[in-house]
C-alpha atoms as a PDB file:
ATOM      1  CA  MET A   1      28.983  31.672 -10.847  1.00  0.00           C
ATOM      2  CA  SER A   2      27.505  33.699  -7.990  1.00  0.00           C
ATOM      3  CA  ILE A   3      25.636  32.040  -5.123  1.00  0.00           C
ATOM      4  CA  TYR A   4      22.445  33.675  -6.400  1.00  0.00           C
ATOM      5  CA  ASP A   5      22.845  32.316  -9.934  1.00  0.00           C
ATOM      6  CA  TYR A   6      23.830  28.882  -8.641  1.00  0.00           C
ATOM      7  CA  LEU A   7      20.786  28.621  -6.384  1.00  0.00           C
ATOM      8  CA  ARG A   8      18.443  29.864  -9.103  1.00  0.00           C
ATOM      9  CA  THR A   9      19.731  27.921 -12.113  1.00  0.00           C
ATOM     10  CA  VAL A  10      21.328  24.772 -10.676  1.00  0.00           C
ATOM     11  CA  GLN A  11      19.330  24.143  -7.507  1.00  0.00           C
ATOM     12  CA  ASP A  12      16.093  25.635  -8.883  1.00  0.00           C
ATOM     13  CA  PHE A  13      15.414  27.942  -5.936  1.00  0.00           C
ATOM     14  CA  SER A  14      12.567  30.355  -6.626  1.00  0.00           C
ATOM     15  CA  HIS A  15      13.382  34.071  -6.428  1.00  0.00           C
ATOM     16  CA  ARG A  16      11.121  34.317  -3.371  1.00  0.00           C
ATOM     17  CA  ILE A  17      13.023  31.593  -1.510  1.00  0.00           C
ATOM     18  CA  VAL A  18      16.423  33.109  -2.346  1.00  0.00           C
ATOM     19  CA  LYS A  19      15.127  36.452  -1.101  1.00  0.00           C
ATOM     20  CA  ARG A  20      13.972  34.942   2.202  1.00  0.00           C
ATOM     21  CA  VAL A  21      17.332  33.247   2.744  1.00  0.00           C
ATOM     22  CA  LYS A  22      19.232  36.407   1.746  1.00  0.00           C
ATOM     23  CA  GLU A  23      17.283  38.617   4.133  1.00  0.00           C
ATOM     24  CA  THR A  24      18.056  36.395   7.126  1.00  0.00           C
ATOM     25  CA  LYS A  25      21.680  36.875   8.196  1.00  0.00           C
ATOM     26  CA  GLY A  26      23.888  33.856   8.706  1.00  0.00           C
ATOM     27  CA  LEU A  27      21.910  31.430   6.517  1.00  0.00           C
ATOM     28  CA  LEU A  28      24.332  31.321   3.567  1.00  0.00           C
ATOM     29  CA  LYS A  29      27.759  29.807   4.154  1.00  0.00           C
ATOM     30  CA  VAL A  30      30.601  28.795   1.866  1.00  0.00           C
ATOM     31  CA  ASN A  31      33.140  26.446   3.419  1.00  0.00           C
ATOM     32  CA  GLY A  32      31.747  27.342   6.840  1.00  0.00           C
ATOM     33  CA  ARG A  33      31.934  31.130   6.411  1.00  0.00           C
ATOM     34  CA  CYS A  34      28.937  33.462   6.030  1.00  0.00           C
ATOM     35  CA  GLN A  35      28.689  34.977   2.545  1.00  0.00           C
ATOM     36  CA  ILE A  36      26.361  37.190   0.508  1.00  0.00           C
ATOM     37  CA  VAL A  37      24.513  36.065  -2.627  1.00  0.00           C
ATOM     38  CA  ARG A  38      26.967  37.924  -4.907  1.00  0.00           C
ATOM     39  CA  TYR A  39      29.873  35.761  -3.684  1.00  0.00           C
ATOM     40  CA  GLU A  40      31.531  33.900  -6.597  1.00  0.00           C
ATOM     41  CA  LEU A  41      31.628  30.127  -6.161  1.00  0.00           C
ATOM     42  CA  THR A  42      34.460  27.950  -7.447  1.00  0.00           C
ATOM     43  CA  ALA A  43      34.789  24.186  -7.959  1.00  0.00           C
ATOM     44  CA  GLY A  44      35.136  22.351  -4.652  1.00  0.00           C
ATOM     45  CA  ASP A  45      33.297  24.939  -2.539  1.00  0.00           C
ATOM     46  CA  VAL A  46      30.736  23.604  -0.045  1.00  0.00           C
ATOM     47  CA  LEU A  47      27.650  25.826  -0.022  1.00  0.00           C
ATOM     48  CA  GLU A  48      25.148  25.688   2.834  1.00  0.00           C
ATOM     49  CA  ALA A  49      21.752  27.379   2.594  1.00  0.00           C
ATOM     50  CA  ALA A  50      19.445  27.234   5.606  1.00  0.00           C
ATOM     51  CA  PHE A  51      15.830  28.368   5.548  1.00  0.00           C
ATOM     52  CA  PRO A  52      14.402  30.744   8.137  1.00  0.00           C
ATOM     53  CA  PRO A  53      11.700  29.291  10.425  1.00  0.00           C
ATOM     54  CA  GLU A  54       8.324  28.886   8.759  1.00  0.00           C
ATOM     55  CA  THR A  55       5.327  30.739  10.170  1.00  0.00           C
ATOM     56  CA  ILE A  56       2.081  28.870  10.765  1.00  0.00           C
ATOM     57  CA  GLY A  57      -0.892  30.915   9.545  1.00  0.00           C
ATOM     58  CA  PRO A  58      -3.487  32.166  12.052  1.00  0.00           C
ATOM     59  CA  GLY A  59      -6.169  29.826  10.682  1.00  0.00           C
ATOM     60  CA  LEU A  60      -4.027  26.716  11.167  1.00  0.00           C
ATOM     61  CA  VAL A  61      -4.100  25.008  14.546  1.00  0.00           C
ATOM     62  CA  PRO A  62      -2.093  21.828  15.288  1.00  0.00           C
ATOM     63  CA  GLU A  63      -4.410  18.996  16.367  1.00  0.00           C
ATOM     64  CA  ASP A  64      -3.701  15.493  17.625  1.00  0.00           C
ATOM     65  CA  ILE A  65      -5.518  13.537  14.892  1.00  0.00           C
ATOM     66  CA  PRO A  66      -4.389  10.099  13.610  1.00  0.00           C
ATOM     67  CA  LEU A  67      -2.756  10.108  10.175  1.00  0.00           C
ATOM     68  CA  SER A  68      -2.311   7.238   7.739  1.00  0.00           C
ATOM     69  CA  ILE A  69       1.224   7.979   6.531  1.00  0.00           C
ATOM     70  CA  VAL A  70       2.190   5.932   3.470  1.00  0.00           C
ATOM     71  CA  TYR A  71       5.669   7.448   3.023  1.00  0.00           C
ATOM     72  CA  GLU A  72       7.820  10.105   4.645  1.00  0.00           C
ATOM     73  CA  ASP A  73      11.316  11.520   4.235  1.00  0.00           C
ATOM     74  CA  GLU A  74      12.957  14.905   4.787  1.00  0.00           C
ATOM     75  CA  ALA A  75      11.216  16.410   1.735  1.00  0.00           C
ATOM     76  CA  VAL A  76       7.769  14.857   1.296  1.00  0.00           C
ATOM     77  CA  LEU A  77       4.853  13.243   3.078  1.00  0.00           C
ATOM     78  CA  VAL A  78       2.362  10.898   1.361  1.00  0.00           C
ATOM     79  CA  ILE A  79      -0.906  10.399   3.231  1.00  0.00           C
ATOM     80  CA  ASP A  80      -3.876   8.098   2.619  1.00  0.00           C
ATOM     81  CA  LYS A  81      -6.828  10.409   3.346  1.00  0.00           C
ATOM     82  CA  PRO A  82     -10.196   8.994   4.438  1.00  0.00           C
ATOM     83  CA  ALA A  83     -13.446  10.304   2.995  1.00  0.00           C
ATOM     84  CA  GLY A  84     -15.212  12.904   5.107  1.00  0.00           C
ATOM     85  CA  VAL A  85     -12.029  14.790   6.051  1.00  0.00           C
ATOM     86  CA  ALA A  86     -11.173  18.118   4.411  1.00  0.00           C
ATOM     87  CA  THR A  87      -7.613  18.622   3.148  1.00  0.00           C
ATOM     88  CA  ILE A  88      -7.091  22.063   4.697  1.00  0.00           C
ATOM     89  CA  PRO A  89      -9.190  24.317   6.953  1.00  0.00           C
ATOM     90  CA  SER A  90     -11.824  26.491   5.320  1.00  0.00           C
ATOM     91  CA  PHE A  91     -14.758  28.648   6.389  1.00  0.00           C
ATOM     92  CA  ASN A  92     -16.948  25.528   6.691  1.00  0.00           C
ATOM     93  CA  HIS A  93     -14.299  23.207   8.143  1.00  0.00           C
ATOM     94  CA  ARG A  94     -12.050  25.128  10.510  1.00  0.00           C
ATOM     95  CA  SER A  95     -10.652  22.083  12.299  1.00  0.00           C
ATOM     96  CA  GLY A  96     -10.341  18.326  11.986  1.00  0.00           C
ATOM     97  CA  THR A  97      -8.618  18.570   8.606  1.00  0.00           C
ATOM     98  CA  ILE A  98      -5.530  16.848   7.236  1.00  0.00           C
ATOM     99  CA  GLY A  99      -3.748  20.200   7.581  1.00  0.00           C
ATOM    100  CA  ASN A 100      -4.507  20.332  11.315  1.00  0.00           C
ATOM    101  CA  ALA A 101      -3.423  16.709  11.712  1.00  0.00           C
ATOM    102  CA  VAL A 102      -0.128  17.243   9.850  1.00  0.00           C
ATOM    103  CA  LEU A 103       0.706  20.279  11.990  1.00  0.00           C
ATOM    104  CA  GLY A 104      -0.061  18.251  15.113  1.00  0.00           C
ATOM    105  CA  TYR A 105       2.253  15.500  13.841  1.00  0.00           C
ATOM    106  CA  TYR A 106       4.992  18.043  13.077  1.00  0.00           C
ATOM    107  CA  GLN A 107       4.633  19.474  16.572  1.00  0.00           C
ATOM    108  CA  LYS A 108       5.072  16.052  18.189  1.00  0.00           C
ATOM    109  CA  GLN A 109       8.037  15.220  15.936  1.00  0.00           C
ATOM    110  CA  GLN A 110       9.561  18.711  16.409  1.00  0.00           C
ATOM    111  CA  ILE A 111       9.475  19.362  12.662  1.00  0.00           C
ATOM    112  CA  PRO A 112       9.702  23.184  12.210  1.00  0.00           C
ATOM    113  CA  TYR A 113       7.478  23.548   9.141  1.00  0.00           C
ATOM    114  CA  THR A 114       3.976  24.579   8.204  1.00  0.00           C
ATOM    115  CA  ILE A 115       1.604  22.783   5.826  1.00  0.00           C
ATOM    116  CA  HIS A 116       2.423  22.708   2.068  1.00  0.00           C
ATOM    117  CA  VAL A 117      -0.219  20.728   0.151  1.00  0.00           C
ATOM    118  CA  VAL A 118       0.791  19.715  -3.380  1.00  0.00           C
ATOM    119  CA  THR A 119      -2.249  17.631  -4.406  1.00  0.00           C
ATOM    120  CA  ARG A 120      -5.599  18.411  -2.821  1.00  0.00           C
ATOM    121  CA  LEU A 121      -8.655  16.155  -2.591  1.00  0.00           C
ATOM    122  CA  ASP A 122     -12.296  17.090  -1.981  1.00  0.00           C
ATOM    123  CA  ARG A 123     -13.525  16.434   1.557  1.00  0.00           C
ATOM    124  CA  ASP A 124     -15.528  13.356   0.543  1.00  0.00           C
ATOM    125  CA  THR A 125     -12.883  11.959  -1.826  1.00  0.00           C
ATOM    126  CA  SER A 126     -10.483   9.442  -0.289  1.00  0.00           C
ATOM    127  CA  GLY A 127      -6.994   8.384  -1.282  1.00  0.00           C
ATOM    128  CA  LEU A 128      -3.408   9.446  -1.736  1.00  0.00           C
ATOM    129  CA  LEU A 129      -2.391  12.994  -0.934  1.00  0.00           C
ATOM    130  CA  LEU A 130       1.046  14.558  -1.561  1.00  0.00           C
ATOM    131  CA  ILE A 131       2.413  17.110   0.911  1.00  0.00           C
ATOM    132  CA  ALA A 132       5.751  18.913   0.640  1.00  0.00           C
ATOM    133  CA  LYS A 133       7.600  19.103   3.938  1.00  0.00           C
ATOM    134  CA  HIS A 134       8.959  22.624   3.446  1.00  0.00           C
ATOM    135  CA  GLN A 135       8.900  25.608   1.111  1.00  0.00           C
ATOM    136  CA  TYR A 136      11.812  24.439  -1.060  1.00  0.00           C
ATOM    137  CA  SER A 137      10.425  20.968  -1.828  1.00  0.00           C
ATOM    138  CA  HIS A 138       7.022  22.580  -2.340  1.00  0.00           C
ATOM    139  CA  SER A 139       8.383  25.000  -4.952  1.00  0.00           C
ATOM    140  CA  LEU A 140      10.085  22.131  -6.837  1.00  0.00           C
ATOM    141  CA  LEU A 141       6.996  19.901  -6.739  1.00  0.00           C
ATOM    142  CA  ALA A 142       4.789  22.820  -7.826  1.00  0.00           C
ATOM    143  CA  LYS A 143       6.919  23.135 -10.965  1.00  0.00           C
ATOM    144  CA  GLU A 144       6.583  19.381 -11.562  1.00  0.00           C
ATOM    145  CA  GLN A 145       2.833  19.725 -11.203  1.00  0.00           C
ATOM    146  CA  GLN A 146       2.666  22.622 -13.676  1.00  0.00           C
ATOM    147  CA  ALA A 147       4.586  20.459 -16.149  1.00  0.00           C
ATOM    148  CA  ASN A 148       2.075  17.588 -15.623  1.00  0.00           C
ATOM    149  CA  GLN A 149       4.746  15.434 -13.986  1.00  0.00           C
ATOM    150  CA  VAL A 150       2.674  14.682 -10.864  1.00  0.00           C
ATOM    151  CA  ASP A 151       0.373  11.849 -11.965  1.00  0.00           C
ATOM    152  CA  ARG A 152      -2.734  10.679 -10.157  1.00  0.00           C
ATOM    153  CA  THR A 153      -5.042   7.790 -11.059  1.00  0.00           C
ATOM    154  CA  TYR A 154      -8.516   7.588  -9.580  1.00  0.00           C
ATOM    155  CA  CYS A 155     -11.028   4.813  -9.055  1.00  0.00           C
ATOM    156  CA  ALA A 156     -14.710   5.726  -9.211  1.00  0.00           C
ATOM    157  CA  VAL A 157     -17.985   3.845  -9.161  1.00  0.00           C
ATOM    158  CA  VAL A 158     -20.621   5.480 -11.363  1.00  0.00           C
ATOM    159  CA  GLU A 159     -24.291   4.755 -11.757  1.00  0.00           C
ATOM    160  CA  GLY A 160     -25.504   2.670 -14.676  1.00  0.00           C
ATOM    161  CA  ALA A 161     -23.603   0.631 -17.248  1.00  0.00           C
ATOM    162  CA  ILE A 162     -21.055   2.388 -19.460  1.00  0.00           C
ATOM    163  CA  SER A 163     -21.125   0.417 -22.706  1.00  0.00           C
ATOM    164  CA  GLN A 164     -17.686   1.235 -24.125  1.00  0.00           C
ATOM    165  CA  THR A 165     -14.529  -0.129 -22.475  1.00  0.00           C
ATOM    166  CA  LYS A 166     -12.722   3.225 -22.499  1.00  0.00           C
ATOM    167  CA  GLY A 167     -13.294   6.806 -23.481  1.00  0.00           C
ATOM    168  CA  THR A 168     -12.377  10.476 -23.132  1.00  0.00           C
ATOM    169  CA  ILE A 169     -14.619  13.293 -21.910  1.00  0.00           C
ATOM    170  CA  ASP A 170     -13.452  16.624 -23.351  1.00  0.00           C
ATOM    171  CA  ALA A 171     -15.847  19.280 -22.073  1.00  0.00           C
ATOM    172  CA  ASP A 172     -15.227  22.759 -20.672  1.00  0.00           C
ATOM    173  CA  ILE A 173     -16.095  23.303 -17.003  1.00  0.00           C
ATOM    174  CA  ALA A 174     -17.361  26.588 -15.522  1.00  0.00           C
ATOM    175  CA  ARG A 175     -18.827  27.804 -12.240  1.00  0.00           C
ATOM    176  CA  LYS A 176     -22.577  27.293 -12.013  1.00  0.00           C
ATOM    177  CA  GLU A 177     -24.323  30.642 -12.067  1.00  0.00           C
ATOM    178  CA  GLY A 178     -25.508  31.625  -8.601  1.00  0.00           C
ATOM    179  CA  SER A 179     -23.367  29.016  -6.802  1.00  0.00           C
ATOM    180  CA  ILE A 180     -19.909  29.237  -5.257  1.00  0.00           C
ATOM    181  CA  ILE A 181     -19.618  25.446  -5.011  1.00  0.00           C
ATOM    182  CA  GLU A 182     -21.136  23.759  -8.050  1.00  0.00           C
ATOM    183  CA  ARG A 183     -19.538  23.485 -11.480  1.00  0.00           C
ATOM    184  CA  VAL A 184     -21.170  22.766 -14.823  1.00  0.00           C
ATOM    185  CA  VAL A 185     -20.155  21.901 -18.353  1.00  0.00           C
ATOM    186  CA  GLY A 186     -20.416  25.123 -20.319  1.00  0.00           C
ATOM    187  CA  GLU A 187     -18.941  27.081 -23.200  1.00  0.00           C
ATOM    188  CA  LYS A 188     -17.674  29.843 -20.912  1.00  0.00           C
ATOM    189  CA  GLY A 189     -15.618  27.393 -18.868  1.00  0.00           C
ATOM    190  CA  LYS A 190     -12.026  26.220 -19.010  1.00  0.00           C
ATOM    191  CA  ARG A 191     -10.987  23.155 -20.947  1.00  0.00           C
ATOM    192  CA  ALA A 192     -11.193  19.899 -19.001  1.00  0.00           C
ATOM    193  CA  VAL A 193     -10.171  16.440 -20.257  1.00  0.00           C
ATOM    194  CA  THR A 194     -10.922  13.175 -18.446  1.00  0.00           C
ATOM    195  CA  HIS A 195      -9.790   9.730 -19.653  1.00  0.00           C
ATOM    196  CA  TYR A 196     -11.449   6.602 -18.288  1.00  0.00           C
ATOM    197  CA  GLN A 197     -11.262   2.839 -18.612  1.00  0.00           C
ATOM    198  CA  VAL A 198     -13.945   0.427 -17.440  1.00  0.00           C
ATOM    199  CA  GLU A 199     -12.681  -2.045 -14.823  1.00  0.00           C
ATOM    200  CA  LYS A 200     -15.924  -3.798 -13.741  1.00  0.00           C
ATOM    201  CA  ARG A 201     -19.627  -3.728 -14.471  1.00  0.00           C
ATOM    202  CA  SER A 202     -22.657  -4.817 -12.487  1.00  0.00           C
ATOM    203  CA  SER A 203     -26.366  -4.430 -13.134  1.00  0.00           C
ATOM    204  CA  ALA A 204     -26.401  -1.081 -11.282  1.00  0.00           C
ATOM    205  CA  TYR A 205     -22.855   0.310 -11.405  1.00  0.00           C
ATOM    206  CA  THR A 206     -19.655   0.624 -13.419  1.00  0.00           C
ATOM    207  CA  MET A 207     -16.221   0.857 -11.826  1.00  0.00           C
ATOM    208  CA  VAL A 208     -13.830   3.016 -13.835  1.00  0.00           C
ATOM    209  CA  LYS A 209     -10.150   3.923 -13.652  1.00  0.00           C
ATOM    210  CA  ILE A 210      -9.595   7.612 -14.397  1.00  0.00           C
ATOM    211  CA  LYS A 211      -6.689   9.845 -15.415  1.00  0.00           C
ATOM    212  CA  LEU A 212      -6.892  13.597 -15.922  1.00  0.00           C
ATOM    213  CA  ASP A 213      -5.161  15.898 -18.388  1.00  0.00           C
ATOM    214  CA  THR A 214      -6.440  18.907 -16.419  1.00  0.00           C
ATOM    215  CA  GLY A 215      -7.295  19.554 -12.787  1.00  0.00           C
ATOM    216  CA  ARG A 216     -10.532  21.541 -12.686  1.00  0.00           C
ATOM    217  CA  THR A 217     -12.585  21.711  -9.492  1.00  0.00           C
ATOM    218  CA  HIS A 218     -14.990  18.728  -9.289  1.00  0.00           C
ATOM    219  CA  GLN A 219     -13.837  17.663 -12.770  1.00  0.00           C
ATOM    220  CA  ILE A 220     -14.496  13.929 -12.453  1.00  0.00           C
ATOM    221  CA  ARG A 221     -17.838  14.448 -10.735  1.00  0.00           C
ATOM    222  CA  VAL A 222     -19.047  17.018 -13.286  1.00  0.00           C
ATOM    223  CA  HIS A 223     -17.868  15.079 -16.333  1.00  0.00           C
ATOM    224  CA  PHE A 224     -19.524  11.789 -15.400  1.00  0.00           C
ATOM    225  CA  SER A 225     -22.735  13.563 -14.448  1.00  0.00           C
ATOM    226  CA  HIS A 226     -22.578  15.274 -17.842  1.00  0.00           C
ATOM    227  CA  ILE A 227     -22.529  11.930 -19.724  1.00  0.00           C
ATOM    228  CA  GLY A 228     -25.402  10.556 -17.638  1.00  0.00           C
ATOM    229  CA  HIS A 229     -23.372   8.432 -15.201  1.00  0.00           C
ATOM    230  CA  SER A 230     -23.188  10.366 -11.932  1.00  0.00           C
ATOM    231  CA  LEU A 231     -20.861   9.051  -9.263  1.00  0.00           C
ATOM    232  CA  ALA A 232     -22.599   6.840  -6.724  1.00  0.00           C
ATOM    233  CA  GLY A 233     -23.274   8.851  -3.564  1.00  0.00           C
ATOM    234  CA  ASP A 234     -22.683  12.228  -5.242  1.00  0.00           C
ATOM    235  CA  ASP A 235     -26.010  13.926  -4.563  1.00  0.00           C
ATOM    236  CA  LEU A 236     -24.572  17.328  -5.562  1.00  0.00           C
ATOM    237  CA  TYR A 237     -24.308  16.096  -9.157  1.00  0.00           C
ATOM    238  CA  GLY A 238     -27.260  13.729  -9.396  1.00  0.00           C
ATOM    239  CA  GLY A 239     -25.967  10.588  -7.709  1.00  0.00           C
ATOM    240  CA  SER A 240     -27.999   8.513  -5.259  1.00  0.00           C
ATOM    241  CA  THR A 241     -26.934   8.128  -1.612  1.00  0.00           C
ATOM    242  CA  GLU A 242     -28.929   4.918  -1.177  1.00  0.00           C
ATOM    243  CA  ASN A 243     -25.865   2.652  -0.955  1.00  0.00           C
ATOM    244  CA  ILE A 244     -23.080   5.110  -0.043  1.00  0.00           C
ATOM    245  CA  ASP A 245     -23.189   8.464   1.746  1.00  0.00           C
ATOM    246  CA  HIS A 246     -20.430  10.227  -0.219  1.00  0.00           C
ATOM    247  CA  GLN A 247     -19.128  10.261  -3.774  1.00  0.00           C
ATOM    248  CA  ALA A 248     -17.508   6.943  -4.669  1.00  0.00           C
ATOM    249  CA  LEU A 249     -14.173   8.450  -5.692  1.00  0.00           C
ATOM    250  CA  HIS A 250     -10.709   7.374  -4.528  1.00  0.00           C
ATOM    251  CA  CYS A 251      -7.197   8.468  -5.549  1.00  0.00           C
ATOM    252  CA  MET A 252      -5.667   5.015  -5.955  1.00  0.00           C
ATOM    253  CA  GLU A 253      -2.279   5.817  -7.514  1.00  0.00           C
ATOM    254  CA  LEU A 254       0.238   8.653  -7.139  1.00  0.00           C
ATOM    255  CA  GLN A 255       3.462   9.160  -9.084  1.00  0.00           C
ATOM    256  CA  PHE A 256       5.943  12.022  -8.948  1.00  0.00           C
ATOM    257  CA  ARG A 257       9.639  12.752  -9.322  1.00  0.00           C
ATOM    258  CA  HIS A 258      11.299  13.217  -5.949  1.00  0.00           C
ATOM    259  CA  PRO A 259      12.416  16.854  -5.663  1.00  0.00           C
ATOM    260  CA  PHE A 260      15.930  15.959  -4.421  1.00  0.00           C
ATOM    261  CA  THR A 261      16.815  12.414  -5.521  1.00  0.00           C
ATOM    262  CA  LYS A 262      15.001  12.886  -8.878  1.00  0.00           C
ATOM    263  CA  LYS A 263      13.861   9.268  -8.531  1.00  0.00           C
ATOM    264  CA  ARG A 264      10.366   8.438  -9.799  1.00  0.00           C
ATOM    265  CA  MET A 265       8.181   7.657  -6.777  1.00  0.00           C
ATOM    266  CA  HIS A 266       5.135   5.393  -7.119  1.00  0.00           C
ATOM    267  CA  PHE A 267       2.436   4.693  -4.506  1.00  0.00           C
ATOM    268  CA  ASN A 268      -0.823   2.720  -4.546  1.00  0.00           C
ATOM    269  CA  SER A 269      -3.905   2.628  -2.327  1.00  0.00           C
ATOM    270  CA  ALA A 270      -6.740   0.118  -2.686  1.00  0.00           C
ATOM    271  CA  PRO A 271     -10.278   1.576  -2.801  1.00  0.00           C
ATOM    272  CA  PRO A 272     -12.069   1.397   0.575  1.00  0.00           C
ATOM    273  CA  LYS A 273     -14.580  -1.432   1.105  1.00  0.00           C
ATOM    274  CA  LYS A 274     -17.390   1.126   1.041  1.00  0.00           C
ATOM    275  CA  ILE A 275     -16.551   1.890  -2.604  1.00  0.00           C
ATOM    276  CA  ALA A 276     -15.410  -1.528  -3.784  1.00  0.00           C
ATOM    277  CA  GLY A 277     -18.450  -3.163  -2.171  1.00  0.00           C
ATOM    278  CA  LEU A 278     -20.828  -1.221  -4.404  1.00  0.00           C
ATOM    279  CA  MET A 279     -20.019  -3.606  -7.234  1.00  0.00           C
ATOM    280  CA  GLU A 280     -21.718  -6.402  -5.273  1.00  0.00           C
ATOM    281  CA  LYS A 281     -24.995  -4.474  -5.096  1.00  0.00           C
ATOM    282  CA  SER A 282     -27.649  -4.659  -7.780  1.00  0.00           C
END
């Protein structure tokens, strides 16, 4: 088998990554000697593939911002993101994001990579966030994600009492006409499926545990607004900010298969007091 075929079929390198390695001389070695991708491997050979340095995009600036790191190894980073912090820089949030903080951390630790976000959270959603350390682990985790093998469980507090103990919301989600931010349930949208289970009820709120079959923008927020139970604090979709100033949504559980060890990884994060405390209010 050639080096190219081995990297593509056995090690699951994307064509783009093989191309980058191939185009940088000296990054493919067999038994310590530089080789080309057409070289035929035999049993017992030791193949080394090194990646060229990653380039940090012009809109990404390393910043010294504290990070709550739940887990880290040579391939992945799991972070517990607070509400009010964007995942990556955008036109409205050019700095102060998790992306800026991760790059600042990499700089201090002399880690030669740029930011590779696998699971993204809205700015005002808190909880567990999965980041690939480099382009190879990112490509493997992206495939896992496309195959629905990266599982996230959310905790939300919605307004009013949901009578049933569990349910499924199956309603297409589309962009709201005239808005680049808002989404709505509509026939012209893409299919979106949200499963929920009631955990607690109070006179004013219901706490639910949520799993998604799809990952549409604002899916949880739109779906619960659609059934008449907007998330507490989510004024974009009809929720009141009287008791909390952001949507009461937290990614509480994250599971994925490690890209190298293939071990199933499992992490948990308790909802912040700001969200959990809503259940004490009437």
